[in-house]
Structures are given as C-alpha cells and as structure tokens.
Amino acid sequence: MRYAIVSDIHANLAAWNNVLTDIADLKADTIICLGDVVGYGPNPVEVLESVYRVVQDTLMGNHDAALCGRVDPETFSPRAKAAVLRHRALISPTGLAWLSALPFEIQKPGFRCAHGDLSSPARFRYIIEPAEALPSWQATREQLLFVGHSHLPGIYVIGASGTPHFVDPCDFVLEDGKRYIVNPGSVGYPRLGDGRSSYCLFDDETKTIAFRLLPFDSVGYRKALKAAGLGDDPWLQHKETQRYRLPWLRERLAFGKPLAAAEHDQDLREHARLRGRRGKAASATAYRILAGVAVCAALAAGAYAWSARRSAAQQPLAVAVPDFDLPTLNAFPLVPPDKNLLPVLPTDLGPGGRMEGWRYAFEDRKQQRFTPSLRDGALLLGVQNAGRHKVQLESPLINLAGTQLHALRLEGRILKSDGFSGTVFFQLVAYATQPDGTLAKGTTKSFEVGGNKTAAAGLSRKIELSKATSHVRFRIEAEFDGTLEIKQPALTANTPRASQAKESAP
C-alpha cells in the first residue's frame, strides 16, 4: 500500500490542486490528511469539499477545531483568528458537522498519525526540538509516527543510543532498531525554505519514505488572499522577494484590434446567435487538433538524423531518437537489492507511434517494425529489418540521488534469427548534475552483445560509477539485417558503498 501523507492545507486551493495532481501521477493508493484543512487561506469551502471527496482519512487540526468550536480562537494570532472567523461564516452546517466529528489520531498497520504530539493529541502540542519527540514515542509502540502542525518537514529518529535527533527531509528506508516521527510539512502554508508545498509518500511494503516538494502559483494565491480580505504573511512576503522574474525584453504593445461601437454590437449579436452551436464546433475543432497532433507525433518519431555510417566493429553506432522528454525515474530506494531500475519493455506502440516509458528511432520506418513474441512464457520485443538498417531504443533518465551506489550491473539477453547479420550494443550513459542544476553528459560505456554469434547471446557487466555521476540512461543501438528479439534488460545495484549510514541518518 502506498500512502500519500499530507498536512496543513490551510484553504490554499492552488497548492492543494498541484499536490493532488502529483499524487495521481505517482499512483498513490490512498491519502491521509493530518489536519488543518482550513485556516489562513482564501478557499476554505472548495478545499474542504475536495478533501471530503478524495481523502480516505482526515484528522482534526487546531484550526479545524477552532472553526467548529472545539478550540477558542482567542488563543490564536490576530491573523489566524480573523481567518477562522471568516471561514466559519462561509462553511455550511454540514461542513461544520463533518469537521467536528474528525478524530484526533488514527492507527494503521505499523504506523500511527496525529496532527501534533501523540502523547495527548487533542492538546495540539508542537514537536519542533528533538526532545519534544520523546513523549510521543513513550505513548506509542509503532515504529513510525506521522505528525504535522509545525509546517516544518523533516524526520525525528531515535536508535540504540536513546538520544533523539532531527534530520532534514530526505528519502529513506525504515531500519530495524530505530523509531521515526515524520513531518511531511505543509501543503498550503510553508513557512521556511523557498515556499513550496511539501508532502510525503510511504510504501508499507518496501518500508520507504519519499518527500515531495512542489511549487504553486503564489502570485495568484496572494491575489485571492487580497480578494478575500486576508493579508500576507511573512513567508509569502519572503517568497515574493525571492521569486525569479522573467525580464521584459520589449515595451508592451497592444495587439488587439479596437472595434467601433457598431462592430462591437454586431459581435455581441453574432456571439449570442452562435452560442448554441459553439459546443459542437468546439468538439469538431478539438478532434481536428488531436488528429493533427497524432500525425505530427508520428512524423516526429520518424524524423531524425542518422549520423554518418561508421564501422560498427570499431565503435558503437550513433543514432538519434525523437526529441521528446520522458519522465525521470528515481532509483531511490533500492529495495530489494536486485530491483530493476529499467521500465518494462513495451510490446506494442501507443498513440502517435510512441512507446510507454521508452523512446526509439528507426532508420527507415517502411522497412522496419516491432513484432512482440513469446518465448518460454516471457514476452520479447522483436525488431524486424527488411535490409540492413539502424535502430535505437532508449530508457528515461534514472536519478541515482540517495542510493549511495558506486557500481551498477547491466544484464540482458537477445535472440538473433537465422541469417541475422549485424551488430547490437548495450550502452550506459552517465550524467553529472552541474551547480546550476543542469545535466552534463559524461562517459558512455558500450558493450557489444553476442559478437558474431547467432541465436541466443547474453551480457552481464559490472559498471563502475564516478563520484560525480548523478543520473544514467540505458540504450540499445543496433545495425542489422534480419530479426532481433530483446528480452527485458536489467540494471541493478551491484554493491553499496563500503561506508554504512550512521545512526544519525534515518
């Protein structure tokens, strides 16, 4: 089960929608909200309705409790009190009744959640200093606890020494002999850093925690706050001072055509006359656009430049794949050690000739095609060439951050038809992250698979990684005549770094 753990949304609809989109993209199984759905922000009704519909378990936060009368808002700051009173006037009795019935804590298999300290959840105590985590551990038995409230993402961990300490947010694997309190941070009201929304994912099968940081439209949020009669907070003002602004390159020009009064009246009448037909027209237009996109995608997949022919026996082939991005895959955490970092090879093509999770290039699309096959109960990706042609297949970038790997193992197997003539190379391309965040291409390790052998041929190679390597990409480059069948390749951890994590690391 993959849990998305969110907290402190605080009526920020823009931030909440961004987080929901990310959760859906990552295919989390369920969502747990640690409380404070309302408070501070401009959109309490919309956020509350959304949380009610899509969140499996919602806890009561102190702002939720103040809204439904279970906490006195006089104890809040003037800014927080004003927001609570405004929200109370906007939310229906049905919404208030749902809020008032929320629990203060929940227990799931292997972990427990509350808005604040778990020794007395209804009192909403903060956990900020490491020593403040001790009462929660003393009051519970679970290895893993989730709390919100402070808006400060991070991890509190205690091991054999009995001394708790705080670790900045990072992806990690639960270790035996240690206990954890994880704060996912705030979705809608981040107080520190660069003002991005934060939440985390917990996979109870692999025992992994992954933190997510997402930007949202802070400019639009400030406008909504102003329209709601709510002022800025220091974190928003700080975010505004740090916001990068694209420079104006030219003076503003008016590109709209001014209309005379008579033309304007005529436009209004025409708009009214066509309004009833606009739905059908829009649908037809959308269909034409989609059809055009599909055609363009198919053309793009075939429009690439092959480099000059070189001797394959001397160096690997140089071919170019279509220029569209694939989502980067995160390698961390590598559990179990033999986890394959490569996506599953597709056996058919999607819309526009694209592959799910891969990209490819044919030299001559009329003379080359993919043909899936089945051998010994396993699907293979077949490539048929009518004549000698080149083909390249490429995986997404694989982010190695957090893995502490110094070597990978590349394994694969191919099958060649009778009469096969040509060469097949497996490659691993290394990249290094630059100070400005961009990636610089490094070395390419290239291995010919099978050499002059026909029929089945395999490869297993240990590949050392430099300390600067932050990402890798796998490629298959081939030039041949005949049929080539590719079994699922594997890229796995070879050996972890010799140094093991100290107790101070989660």
Protein backbone atom coordinates (compact mmCIF):
# COMPACT_ATOMS: atom_id res chain seq x y z
CA MET A 1 0.00 0.00 0.00
CA ARG A 2 1.32 3.45 -0.93
CA TYR A 3 0.07 6.21 1.34
CA ALA A 4 0.22 9.91 0.45
CA ILE A 5 0.61 11.78 3.77
CA VAL A 6 -0.45 15.44 3.57
CA SER A 7 -0.95 18.10 6.22
CA ASP A 8 -1.78 21.76 6.82
CA ILE A 9 -3.52 22.54 3.53
CA HIS A 10 -4.95 25.72 5.10
CA ALA A 11 -7.54 26.56 2.44
CA ASN A 12 -4.91 27.02 -0.29
CA LEU A 13 -6.72 25.64 -3.32
CA ALA A 14 -3.90 26.31 -5.82
CA ALA A 15 -1.37 24.37 -3.75
CA TRP A 16 -3.83 21.55 -2.96
CA ASN A 17 -4.70 21.01 -6.62
CA ASN A 18 -1.00 20.78 -7.51
CA VAL A 19 -0.41 18.18 -4.80
CA LEU A 20 -3.45 16.16 -5.88
CA THR A 21 -2.15 16.10 -9.45
CA ASP A 22 1.23 14.85 -8.23
CA ILE A 23 -0.39 12.18 -6.04
CA ALA A 24 -2.44 10.97 -9.01
CA ASP A 25 0.63 10.88 -11.28
CA LEU A 26 2.50 8.78 -8.71
CA LYS A 27 -0.50 6.45 -8.34
CA ALA A 28 -0.74 6.52 -4.55
CA ASP A 29 -3.33 4.08 -3.22
CA THR A 30 -4.80 6.32 -0.52
CA ILE A 31 -4.42 9.76 1.08
CA ILE A 32 -4.18 10.60 4.78
CA CYS A 33 -4.55 14.23 5.86
CA LEU A 34 -3.03 15.12 9.25
CA GLY A 35 -5.33 18.08 9.80
CA ASP A 36 -5.68 21.85 9.37
CA VAL A 37 -7.70 21.66 6.18
CA VAL A 38 -8.90 25.23 6.86
CA GLY A 39 -7.39 28.38 8.35
CA TYR A 40 -5.28 31.20 6.85
CA GLY A 41 -6.17 30.69 3.16
CA PRO A 42 -8.81 32.15 0.82
CA ASN A 43 -10.66 28.99 -0.33
CA PRO A 44 -11.95 27.03 2.70
CA VAL A 45 -15.16 25.75 1.09
CA GLU A 46 -13.53 24.45 -2.11
CA VAL A 47 -10.66 22.78 -0.26
CA LEU A 48 -12.97 21.25 2.34
CA GLU A 49 -15.26 19.79 -0.33
CA SER A 50 -12.29 18.35 -2.22
CA VAL A 51 -10.71 16.80 0.87
CA TYR A 52 -14.05 15.24 1.84
CA ARG A 53 -14.34 13.59 -1.58
CA VAL A 54 -10.80 12.26 -2.18
CA VAL A 55 -9.06 11.81 1.19
CA GLN A 56 -9.54 8.46 2.90
CA ASP A 57 -8.67 9.58 6.46
CA THR A 58 -8.68 13.18 7.74
CA LEU A 59 -7.59 14.18 11.25
CA MET A 60 -8.60 17.23 13.21
CA GLY A 61 -6.11 20.07 13.35
CA ASN A 62 -6.17 23.02 15.73
CA HIS A 63 -7.58 25.37 13.05
CA ASP A 64 -10.28 22.82 12.20
CA ALA A 65 -11.08 22.55 15.91
CA ALA A 66 -11.31 26.34 16.27
CA LEU A 67 -13.62 26.54 13.28
CA CYS A 68 -16.13 24.08 14.75
CA GLY A 69 -15.92 25.49 18.29
CA ARG A 70 -13.71 22.89 19.98
CA VAL A 71 -10.81 25.35 20.45
CA ASP A 72 -11.10 29.02 21.42
CA PRO A 73 -9.80 31.16 18.50
CA GLU A 74 -8.87 33.86 21.03
CA THR A 75 -5.72 31.85 21.65
CA PHE A 76 -4.70 32.34 18.00
CA SER A 77 -2.69 35.17 16.46
CA PRO A 78 -4.81 38.05 15.06
CA ARG A 79 -4.20 36.85 11.50
CA ALA A 80 -5.18 33.24 12.31
CA LYS A 81 -8.21 34.34 14.36
CA ALA A 82 -9.51 36.57 11.55
CA ALA A 83 -9.26 33.69 9.05
CA VAL A 84 -11.08 31.28 11.37
CA LEU A 85 -13.96 33.71 11.90
CA ARG A 86 -14.24 34.37 8.18
CA HIS A 87 -14.19 30.65 7.35
CA ARG A 88 -16.82 29.94 9.99
CA ALA A 89 -19.15 32.36 8.21
CA LEU A 90 -18.58 30.67 4.83
CA ILE A 91 -18.88 26.97 5.70
CA SER A 92 -22.31 25.34 5.90
CA PRO A 93 -23.64 23.49 8.96
CA THR A 94 -22.99 20.23 7.10
CA GLY A 95 -19.33 21.14 6.68
CA LEU A 96 -19.00 22.21 10.31
CA ALA A 97 -20.61 18.97 11.47
CA TRP A 98 -18.15 16.90 9.41
CA LEU A 99 -15.20 18.86 10.80
CA SER A 100 -16.38 18.50 14.38
CA ALA A 101 -16.52 14.70 14.02
CA LEU A 102 -12.93 14.29 12.81
CA PRO A 103 -10.69 12.11 15.02
CA PHE A 104 -7.57 13.39 16.77
CA GLU A 105 -5.49 10.36 15.77
CA ILE A 106 -5.68 7.24 13.62
CA GLN A 107 -3.87 3.93 13.70
CA LYS A 108 -2.89 1.98 10.61
CA PRO A 109 -0.94 -1.28 10.25
CA GLY A 110 2.53 -0.42 11.51
CA PHE A 111 2.09 3.34 11.97
CA ARG A 112 0.03 5.99 13.74
CA CYS A 113 -0.91 9.58 12.84
CA ALA A 114 -1.93 12.78 14.64
CA HIS A 115 -1.87 16.48 13.95
CA GLY A 116 0.60 17.21 16.75
CA ASP A 117 2.20 15.37 19.66
CA LEU A 118 0.79 11.85 20.13
CA SER A 119 1.03 11.76 23.92
CA SER A 120 -2.06 13.99 24.06
CA PRO A 121 -3.34 14.56 20.50
CA ALA A 122 -6.28 16.78 21.50
CA ARG A 123 -3.92 19.35 23.03
CA PHE A 124 -2.10 20.01 19.74
CA ARG A 125 1.39 20.27 21.19
CA TYR A 126 4.18 21.07 18.75
CA ILE A 127 7.11 18.78 18.01
CA ILE A 128 9.98 21.03 16.94
CA GLU A 129 13.01 20.25 19.10
CA PRO A 130 14.20 16.60 19.14
CA ALA A 131 13.48 16.29 22.87
CA GLU A 132 9.84 17.18 22.18
CA ALA A 133 9.51 13.91 20.22
CA LEU A 134 10.13 11.73 23.29
CA PRO A 135 6.58 11.87 24.78
CA SER A 136 5.09 10.63 21.51
CA TRP A 137 7.41 7.64 21.39
CA GLN A 138 6.76 6.89 25.05
CA ALA A 139 2.99 6.94 24.47
CA THR A 140 3.03 4.64 21.41
CA ARG A 141 4.50 1.34 20.27
CA GLU A 142 4.62 1.82 16.49
CA GLN A 143 7.97 2.22 14.77
CA LEU A 144 6.65 5.01 12.54
CA LEU A 145 4.59 8.07 13.52
CA PHE A 146 3.35 10.92 11.29
CA VAL A 147 2.62 14.42 12.62
CA GLY A 148 2.01 17.87 11.13
CA HIS A 149 1.20 21.17 12.88
CA SER A 150 4.65 22.83 12.79
CA HIS A 151 4.74 23.12 8.96
CA LEU A 152 8.40 22.03 9.18
CA PRO A 153 9.15 18.96 7.04
CA GLY A 154 11.68 16.56 8.50
CA ILE A 155 12.41 13.39 10.43
CA TYR A 156 12.90 12.74 14.15
CA VAL A 157 14.77 9.49 14.77
CA ILE A 158 15.88 7.58 17.84
CA GLY A 159 18.06 4.49 17.93
CA ALA A 160 20.02 2.38 20.37
CA SER A 161 21.64 5.41 21.99
CA GLY A 162 18.27 6.63 23.22
CA THR A 163 19.07 10.19 22.11
CA PRO A 164 16.57 11.68 19.63
CA HIS A 165 17.78 13.86 16.81
CA PHE A 166 16.34 15.71 13.82
CA VAL A 167 17.19 15.04 10.17
CA ASP A 168 16.28 17.34 7.29
CA PRO A 169 13.75 15.89 4.83
CA CYS A 170 15.25 13.13 2.67
CA ASP A 171 14.10 9.86 1.15
CA PHE A 172 14.97 6.86 3.32
CA VAL A 173 14.22 3.26 4.27
CA LEU A 174 12.99 2.30 7.75
CA GLU A 175 15.70 0.46 9.66
CA ASP A 176 15.25 -2.16 12.37
CA GLY A 177 16.13 -0.88 15.81
CA LYS A 178 15.11 2.70 15.06
CA ARG A 179 11.88 4.64 15.52
CA TYR A 180 10.76 7.62 13.50
CA ILE A 181 8.45 10.62 13.63
CA VAL A 182 7.95 12.08 10.16
CA ASN A 183 6.52 15.54 9.50
CA PRO A 184 5.52 15.88 5.82
CA GLY A 185 5.46 19.69 6.06
CA SER A 186 2.67 21.90 4.82
CA VAL A 187 0.76 21.73 1.54
CA GLY A 188 -0.67 25.23 1.66
CA TYR A 189 1.28 27.25 4.22
CA PRO A 190 5.03 26.53 4.03
CA ARG A 191 6.90 28.78 6.45
CA LEU A 192 10.52 28.01 5.57
CA GLY A 193 12.69 27.40 2.53
CA ASP A 194 11.55 28.56 -0.88
CA GLY A 195 7.84 28.37 -0.08
CA ARG A 196 7.00 25.16 -1.92
CA SER A 197 4.29 22.70 -0.92
CA SER A 198 5.55 19.53 0.69
CA TYR A 199 4.11 16.12 1.47
CA CYS A 200 5.45 12.57 1.61
CA LEU A 201 4.74 9.06 0.34
CA PHE A 202 5.00 5.95 2.50
CA ASP A 203 5.21 2.47 0.95
CA ASP A 204 4.46 -0.09 3.65
CA GLU A 205 5.79 -2.97 1.53
CA THR A 206 9.24 -1.54 0.83
CA LYS A 207 9.26 0.47 4.11
CA THR A 208 10.29 3.62 2.28
CA ILE A 209 9.52 7.31 2.80
CA ALA A 210 9.82 9.78 -0.08
CA PHE A 211 9.38 13.54 0.31
CA ARG A 212 7.82 15.67 -2.44
CA LEU A 213 8.34 19.42 -2.93
CA LEU A 214 6.10 21.25 -5.42
CA PRO A 215 5.77 24.89 -6.50
CA PHE A 216 2.38 26.56 -6.76
CA ASP A 217 1.01 29.85 -8.07
CA SER A 218 1.91 32.13 -5.17
CA VAL A 219 1.07 35.24 -7.19
CA GLY A 220 -2.47 34.01 -7.79
CA TYR A 221 -2.69 32.93 -4.15
CA ARG A 222 -1.80 36.45 -2.95
CA LYS A 223 -4.44 37.93 -5.22
CA ALA A 224 -7.03 35.51 -3.81
CA LEU A 225 -5.98 36.44 -0.27
CA LYS A 226 -6.44 40.12 -1.06
CA ALA A 227 -9.85 39.50 -2.64
CA ALA A 228 -10.89 37.59 0.49
CA GLY A 229 -9.81 40.44 2.75
CA LEU A 230 -6.90 38.47 4.21
CA GLY A 231 -3.39 39.91 4.32
CA ASP A 232 0.03 38.47 3.54
CA ASP A 233 2.17 36.55 5.98
CA PRO A 234 5.96 36.82 6.38
CA TRP A 235 6.61 33.59 4.46
CA LEU A 236 4.65 34.92 1.47
CA GLN A 237 6.46 38.24 1.57
CA HIS A 238 9.78 36.41 1.75
CA LYS A 239 8.78 34.20 -1.18
CA GLU A 240 7.92 37.30 -3.19
CA THR A 241 11.39 38.78 -2.62
CA GLN A 242 12.98 35.55 -3.85
CA ARG A 243 10.72 34.99 -6.84
CA TYR A 244 12.56 34.99 -10.14
CA ARG A 245 11.00 37.32 -12.69
CA LEU A 246 11.49 36.99 -16.40
CA PRO A 247 12.95 40.25 -17.71
CA TRP A 248 10.89 42.39 -20.09
CA LEU A 249 12.62 42.38 -23.43
CA ARG A 250 10.35 44.88 -25.17
CA GLU A 251 7.87 47.60 -24.39
CA ARG A 252 4.27 46.48 -24.24
CA LEU A 253 2.33 46.77 -27.48
CA ALA A 254 -1.42 46.42 -27.96
CA PHE A 255 -2.09 43.59 -30.41
CA GLY A 256 -5.89 43.61 -30.10
CA LYS A 257 -7.83 45.29 -32.85
CA PRO A 258 -10.04 48.09 -31.50
CA LEU A 259 -13.66 47.82 -32.59
CA ALA A 260 -16.03 50.62 -33.37
CA ALA A 261 -19.25 50.70 -31.34
CA ALA A 262 -21.32 49.32 -34.24
CA GLU A 263 -18.86 46.46 -34.79
CA HIS A 264 -18.91 45.68 -31.10
CA ASP A 265 -22.72 45.46 -31.06
CA GLN A 266 -22.63 43.23 -34.13
CA ASP A 267 -20.09 40.94 -32.40
CA LEU A 268 -22.37 40.60 -29.39
CA ARG A 269 -25.33 39.65 -31.59
CA GLU A 270 -23.20 37.15 -33.51
CA HIS A 271 -21.92 35.66 -30.25
CA ALA A 272 -25.47 35.17 -28.99
CA ARG A 273 -26.53 33.55 -32.26
CA LEU A 274 -23.62 31.11 -32.32
CA ARG A 275 -23.54 30.31 -28.62
CA GLY A 276 -25.84 27.31 -29.02
CA ARG A 277 -23.69 25.88 -31.79
CA ARG A 278 -20.34 26.51 -30.13
CA GLY A 279 -20.24 23.20 -28.26
CA LYS A 280 -20.40 21.18 -31.49
CA ALA A 281 -17.91 23.45 -33.21
CA ALA A 282 -15.51 23.20 -30.30
CA SER A 283 -15.74 19.40 -30.33
CA ALA A 284 -15.00 19.29 -34.06
CA THR A 285 -12.07 21.65 -33.62
CA ALA A 286 -10.69 19.59 -30.74
CA TYR A 287 -10.95 16.44 -32.87
CA ARG A 288 -9.02 18.10 -35.70
CA ILE A 289 -6.35 19.30 -33.27
CA LEU A 290 -5.94 15.85 -31.74
CA ALA A 291 -5.76 14.27 -35.16
CA GLY A 292 -3.10 16.80 -36.16
CA VAL A 293 -1.13 16.11 -33.00
CA ALA A 294 -1.22 12.38 -33.67
CA VAL A 295 0.04 12.89 -37.23
CA CYS A 296 2.79 15.25 -36.03
CA ALA A 297 3.84 12.79 -33.34
CA ALA A 298 4.08 10.00 -35.89
CA LEU A 299 6.12 12.20 -38.22
CA ALA A 300 8.36 13.32 -35.35
CA ALA A 301 9.03 9.72 -34.41
CA GLY A 302 10.35 9.10 -37.91
CA ALA A 303 12.07 12.45 -38.49
CA TYR A 304 15.57 12.20 -37.10
CA ALA A 305 19.09 12.42 -38.46
CA TRP A 306 21.28 9.36 -38.51
CA SER A 307 25.00 10.10 -38.22
CA ALA A 308 27.46 9.11 -40.90
CA ARG A 309 27.97 5.37 -41.23
CA ARG A 310 30.94 4.10 -39.28
CA SER A 311 32.44 0.69 -38.73
CA ALA A 312 30.35 -1.00 -36.04
CA ALA A 313 33.23 -3.28 -35.20
CA GLN A 314 35.32 -0.27 -34.10
CA GLN A 315 32.82 1.87 -32.20
CA PRO A 316 29.16 1.89 -31.20
CA LEU A 317 26.54 3.27 -33.52
CA ALA A 318 25.48 6.90 -33.27
CA VAL A 319 21.77 7.34 -33.91
CA ALA A 320 19.28 9.91 -32.71
CA VAL A 321 15.93 9.31 -31.05
CA PRO A 322 12.92 11.64 -31.34
CA ASP A 323 13.30 14.74 -29.22
CA PHE A 324 10.57 14.33 -26.61
CA ASP A 325 11.16 14.07 -22.88
CA LEU A 326 10.47 11.01 -20.76
CA PRO A 327 9.71 11.42 -17.05
CA THR A 328 12.84 10.86 -14.96
CA LEU A 329 12.81 7.68 -12.85
CA ASN A 330 14.01 7.87 -9.24
CA ALA A 331 16.22 4.95 -8.29
CA PHE A 332 15.98 5.51 -4.54
CA PRO A 333 15.29 3.42 -2.60
CA LEU A 334 16.89 0.28 -4.00
CA VAL A 335 14.89 -2.31 -2.08
CA PRO A 336 15.35 -5.19 -2.62
CA PRO A 337 18.96 -5.00 -3.90
CA ASP A 338 18.05 -6.74 -7.16
CA LYS A 339 15.34 -4.20 -8.07
CA ASN A 340 15.42 -3.48 -11.80
CA LEU A 341 15.77 0.23 -12.45
CA LEU A 342 14.63 -0.07 -16.07
CA PRO A 343 10.97 0.18 -17.06
CA VAL A 344 9.29 -2.83 -18.62
CA LEU A 345 9.92 -3.15 -22.34
CA PRO A 346 6.72 -2.42 -24.27
CA THR A 347 5.38 -4.95 -26.73
CA ASP A 348 3.31 -2.53 -28.78
CA LEU A 349 3.20 1.13 -29.69
CA GLY A 350 0.88 3.72 -28.22
CA PRO A 351 -0.82 6.71 -29.90
CA GLY A 352 1.41 8.53 -32.36
CA GLY A 353 3.81 5.58 -32.52
CA ARG A 354 5.19 6.19 -29.03
CA MET A 355 6.28 3.55 -26.55
CA GLU A 356 5.19 3.55 -22.92
CA GLY A 357 8.25 4.54 -20.87
CA TRP A 358 10.75 4.32 -23.74
CA ARG A 359 11.62 6.16 -26.93
CA TYR A 360 13.02 4.75 -30.15
CA ALA A 361 14.23 5.55 -33.66
CA PHE A 362 14.10 3.62 -36.94
CA GLU A 363 16.29 4.49 -39.91
CA ASP A 364 13.60 3.51 -42.42
CA ARG A 365 10.10 3.15 -41.00
CA LYS A 366 8.88 1.44 -44.16
CA GLN A 367 11.47 -1.32 -43.82
CA GLN A 368 11.45 -1.72 -40.03
CA ARG A 369 8.83 -2.70 -37.49
CA PHE A 370 8.33 -4.02 -33.96
CA THR A 371 6.90 -7.52 -33.52
CA PRO A 372 6.18 -8.85 -30.00
CA SER A 373 6.82 -12.55 -29.43
CA LEU A 374 6.51 -15.13 -26.67
CA ARG A 375 9.34 -17.47 -25.64
CA ASP A 376 9.30 -19.76 -22.60
CA GLY A 377 6.41 -17.81 -21.11
CA ALA A 378 8.20 -14.45 -21.42
CA LEU A 379 7.34 -11.60 -23.76
CA LEU A 380 10.11 -10.37 -26.03
CA LEU A 381 10.33 -7.18 -28.06
CA GLY A 382 11.10 -8.12 -31.65
CA VAL A 383 12.59 -5.85 -34.31
CA GLN A 384 12.31 -6.88 -37.97
CA ASN A 385 14.54 -5.21 -40.54
CA ALA A 386 13.99 -5.75 -44.27
CA GLY A 387 17.56 -4.96 -45.26
CA ARG A 388 20.40 -3.57 -43.17
CA HIS A 389 19.11 -0.69 -41.06
CA LYS A 390 19.80 1.01 -37.74
CA VAL A 391 17.56 1.12 -34.68
CA GLN A 392 17.94 2.71 -31.26
CA LEU A 393 15.91 2.15 -28.08
CA GLU A 394 16.42 4.43 -25.08
CA SER A 395 15.23 4.44 -21.46
CA PRO A 396 14.34 7.51 -19.39
CA LEU A 397 16.96 9.21 -17.25
CA ILE A 398 17.43 7.39 -13.93
CA ASN A 399 18.15 9.62 -10.93
CA LEU A 400 20.60 7.94 -8.54
CA ALA A 401 20.26 10.53 -5.76
CA GLY A 402 20.11 8.91 -2.34
CA THR A 403 21.24 5.44 -3.48
CA GLN A 404 24.90 5.76 -2.43
CA LEU A 405 25.86 3.44 -5.28
CA HIS A 406 29.32 3.22 -6.78
CA ALA A 407 28.54 0.44 -9.27
CA LEU A 408 25.64 -0.97 -11.28
CA ARG A 409 25.18 -4.29 -13.02
CA LEU A 410 23.83 -4.36 -16.57
CA GLU A 411 22.34 -7.63 -17.78
CA GLY A 412 20.50 -8.53 -20.94
CA ARG A 413 19.83 -11.21 -23.50
CA ILE A 414 18.98 -11.13 -27.18
CA LEU A 415 17.92 -13.72 -29.77
CA LYS A 416 19.02 -13.49 -33.40
CA SER A 417 17.22 -15.10 -36.31
CA ASP A 418 18.89 -17.41 -38.81
CA GLY A 419 20.63 -15.27 -41.38
CA PHE A 420 21.00 -12.36 -38.93
CA SER A 421 23.81 -10.05 -39.95
CA GLY A 422 24.91 -7.03 -37.95
CA THR A 423 25.82 -5.73 -34.51
CA VAL A 424 23.97 -4.99 -31.25
CA PHE A 425 25.33 -2.75 -28.48
CA PHE A 426 24.08 -2.22 -24.93
CA GLN A 427 25.12 1.16 -23.53
CA LEU A 428 25.02 3.02 -20.23
CA VAL A 429 25.34 6.81 -20.46
CA ALA A 430 26.39 8.74 -17.33
CA TYR A 431 25.40 12.31 -16.47
CA ALA A 432 26.55 14.72 -13.75
CA THR A 433 24.45 17.46 -12.16
CA GLN A 434 26.03 20.90 -12.57
CA PRO A 435 25.92 23.72 -9.97
CA ASP A 436 23.10 25.39 -11.92
CA GLY A 437 21.02 22.19 -11.81
CA THR A 438 21.54 21.19 -15.46
CA LEU A 439 22.90 17.80 -16.50
CA ALA A 440 26.20 17.37 -18.32
CA LYS A 441 26.72 14.18 -20.34
CA GLY A 442 29.68 12.12 -19.16
CA THR A 443 31.13 8.81 -20.28
CA THR A 444 29.28 6.16 -22.28
CA LYS A 445 30.01 2.51 -21.53
CA SER A 446 29.28 0.39 -24.60
CA PHE A 447 29.20 -3.41 -24.85
CA GLU A 448 28.61 -5.48 -27.97
CA VAL A 449 26.15 -8.29 -27.29
CA GLY A 450 26.93 -11.63 -28.87
CA GLY A 451 29.60 -10.51 -31.30
CA ASN A 452 29.47 -12.78 -34.34
CA LYS A 453 27.29 -15.32 -32.56
CA THR A 454 23.85 -16.13 -33.87
CA ALA A 455 20.86 -17.43 -31.93
CA ALA A 456 20.92 -16.54 -28.22
CA ALA A 457 23.51 -14.18 -26.73
CA GLY A 458 23.72 -12.66 -23.26
CA LEU A 459 25.56 -9.92 -21.40
CA SER A 460 26.35 -9.26 -17.74
CA ARG A 461 28.68 -6.40 -16.85
CA LYS A 462 29.58 -4.53 -13.69
CA ILE A 463 29.81 -0.81 -14.41
CA GLU A 464 31.73 1.45 -12.05
CA LEU A 465 30.25 4.90 -11.43
CA SER A 466 32.29 8.03 -10.83
CA LYS A 467 31.56 10.10 -7.74
CA ALA A 468 30.14 12.84 -9.98
CA THR A 469 27.53 10.56 -11.62
CA SER A 470 24.03 11.64 -10.63
CA HIS A 471 21.95 10.13 -13.48
CA VAL A 472 22.27 7.31 -16.00
CA ARG A 473 20.44 6.25 -19.15
CA PHE A 474 20.32 2.83 -20.84
CA ARG A 475 20.42 2.42 -24.63
CA ILE A 476 20.29 -0.35 -27.19
CA GLU A 477 21.90 0.57 -30.52
CA ALA A 478 21.90 -1.90 -33.38
CA GLU A 479 22.52 -2.12 -37.13
CA PHE A 480 21.47 -5.36 -38.74
CA ASP A 481 19.55 -7.29 -41.36
CA GLY A 482 17.04 -9.85 -40.13
CA THR A 483 15.10 -10.22 -36.89
CA LEU A 484 16.30 -9.33 -33.40
CA GLU A 485 14.39 -10.30 -30.24
CA ILE A 486 15.18 -8.47 -26.99
CA LYS A 487 14.46 -9.89 -23.56
CA GLN A 488 13.82 -7.50 -20.68
CA PRO A 489 17.19 -5.93 -19.77
CA ALA A 490 18.05 -5.30 -16.12
CA LEU A 491 20.01 -2.53 -14.42
CA THR A 492 20.51 -3.25 -10.72
CA ALA A 493 22.65 -2.22 -7.78
CA ASN A 494 25.94 -4.10 -7.81
CA THR A 495 27.39 -3.19 -4.42
CA PRO A 496 26.55 -0.40 -1.97
CA ARG A 497 29.24 1.97 -0.82
CA ALA A 498 31.52 0.46 1.78
CA SER A 499 30.56 3.01 4.39
CA GLN A 500 27.23 2.34 6.05
CA ALA A 501 24.86 5.01 7.31
CA LYS A 502 25.47 6.06 10.88
CA GLU A 503 22.72 6.09 13.43
CA SER A 504 22.32 9.82 12.93
CA ALA A 505 20.98 9.17 9.41
CA PRO A 506 17.41 7.90 9.02
